[in-house]
Amino acid sequence: MSATLLLIDPQNDFCDVAGAALPVPGANADMLRLSGLIARASRHLTEIVITLDSHSTVSIERTTFWEQAEGAPVAFPVRSREKVCFSSRVRRRATASALR
């Protein structure tokens, strides 16, 4: 049996350790468990793929990306949470069906 392990954007800055820029509670423990998993499963892993999230100055999530030709900002309509999110009843039903 062979397997590929996919790691999505692991960063030191997410670990809950001193000096981390964006610490996530439990992230350091998660990384320690991950290293243990890799050690135990290494003979079955044919590859480990790691994604990297970069933040270039010109990217779709940057406000500079959303400018009109003359440099004026693009106006986006503001939506309330109620208009964007499903109702809690629909979310519960969807979550329950996903667990079946």
Protein backbone atom coordinates (compact mmCIF):
# COMPACT_ATOMS: atom_id res chain seq x y z
CA MET A 1 0.00 0.00 0.00
CA SER A 2 1.23 3.48 -0.82
CA ALA A 3 -0.19 6.87 0.07
CA THR A 4 0.32 10.56 -0.47
CA LEU A 5 0.12 12.92 2.49
CA LEU A 6 -1.18 16.41 1.73
CA LEU A 7 -0.30 19.19 4.18
CA ILE A 8 -2.09 22.47 3.61
CA ASP A 9 -0.18 25.61 4.56
CA PRO A 10 1.63 24.54 7.73
CA GLN A 11 3.47 27.54 9.14
CA ASN A 12 5.52 28.21 12.24
CA ASP A 13 3.53 31.43 12.63
CA PHE A 14 0.36 29.39 13.25
CA CYS A 15 1.88 27.32 16.07
CA ASP A 16 0.95 28.41 19.57
CA VAL A 17 4.53 29.11 20.64
CA ALA A 18 6.36 32.24 21.71
CA GLY A 19 6.96 34.63 18.83
CA ALA A 20 4.28 33.23 16.52
CA ALA A 21 2.52 35.92 14.49
CA LEU A 22 -0.88 34.17 14.20
CA PRO A 23 -0.97 31.47 16.89
CA VAL A 24 -3.76 28.92 16.77
CA PRO A 25 -4.48 27.09 20.05
CA GLY A 26 -3.33 23.48 19.78
CA ALA A 27 -1.44 23.94 16.51
CA ASN A 28 1.95 23.07 17.97
CA ALA A 29 0.56 19.84 19.44
CA ASP A 30 -1.02 19.09 16.04
CA MET A 31 2.38 19.45 14.35
CA LEU A 32 3.98 17.13 16.91
CA ARG A 33 1.27 14.52 16.26
CA LEU A 34 1.79 14.98 12.52
CA SER A 35 5.52 14.33 12.81
CA GLY A 36 4.72 11.16 14.75
CA LEU A 37 2.29 10.06 12.04
CA ILE A 38 4.91 10.66 9.35
CA ALA A 39 7.47 8.62 11.31
CA ARG A 40 5.04 5.72 11.81
CA ALA A 41 3.70 5.73 8.23
CA SER A 42 6.91 6.62 6.39
CA ARG A 43 7.27 3.23 4.72
CA HIS A 44 3.78 3.65 3.20
CA LEU A 45 4.18 7.27 2.07
CA THR A 46 5.24 7.65 -1.54
CA GLU A 47 5.19 11.41 -1.31
CA ILE A 48 4.39 14.31 0.96
CA VAL A 49 2.84 17.33 -0.76
CA ILE A 50 2.92 20.64 1.10
CA THR A 51 1.02 23.69 -0.11
CA LEU A 52 2.26 27.20 0.49
CA ASP A 53 -0.01 30.19 0.86
CA SER A 54 1.82 33.27 -0.34
CA HIS A 55 0.69 36.84 -0.02
CA SER A 56 1.94 38.80 -2.99
CA THR A 57 1.22 42.51 -3.21
CA VAL A 58 -0.99 42.04 -6.27
CA SER A 59 -3.48 39.27 -5.69
CA ILE A 60 -7.23 38.83 -5.83
CA GLU A 61 -7.65 39.24 -2.07
CA ARG A 62 -5.71 42.52 -2.05
CA THR A 63 -7.58 45.80 -2.26
CA THR A 64 -5.13 47.04 -4.90
CA PHE A 65 -6.37 44.29 -7.21
CA TRP A 66 -9.86 45.77 -7.14
CA GLU A 67 -9.31 49.17 -8.71
CA GLN A 68 -10.94 50.74 -11.70
CA ALA A 69 -8.74 51.67 -14.66
CA GLU A 70 -8.31 55.25 -13.40
CA GLY A 71 -7.30 53.99 -9.94
CA ALA A 72 -10.58 54.56 -8.11
CA PRO A 73 -11.58 51.72 -5.77
CA VAL A 74 -14.32 49.34 -6.80
CA ALA A 75 -17.38 49.65 -4.57
CA PHE A 76 -18.66 46.36 -3.20
CA PRO A 77 -22.10 46.06 -1.64
CA VAL A 78 -22.07 45.28 2.07
CA ARG A 79 -24.03 42.16 3.02
CA SER A 80 -25.22 41.30 6.46
CA ARG A 81 -24.38 37.95 8.01
CA GLU A 82 -28.02 36.94 7.80
CA LYS A 83 -28.06 37.45 4.04
CA VAL A 84 -24.81 35.56 3.48
CA CYS A 85 -25.20 32.57 5.84
CA PHE A 86 -27.68 29.74 5.67
CA SER A 87 -30.14 29.54 8.48
CA SER A 88 -28.92 27.46 11.43
CA ARG A 89 -31.61 24.86 10.71
CA VAL A 90 -30.28 24.29 7.18
CA ARG A 91 -26.70 24.09 8.47
CA ARG A 92 -27.67 21.53 11.12
CA ARG A 93 -29.51 19.42 8.55
CA ALA A 94 -26.57 19.60 6.13
CA THR A 95 -24.08 18.66 8.86
CA ALA A 96 -26.26 15.78 10.06
CA SER A 97 -26.60 14.39 6.53
CA ALA A 98 -22.83 14.67 5.98
CA LEU A 99 -22.21 12.53 9.04
CA ARG A 100 -24.34 9.64 7.79
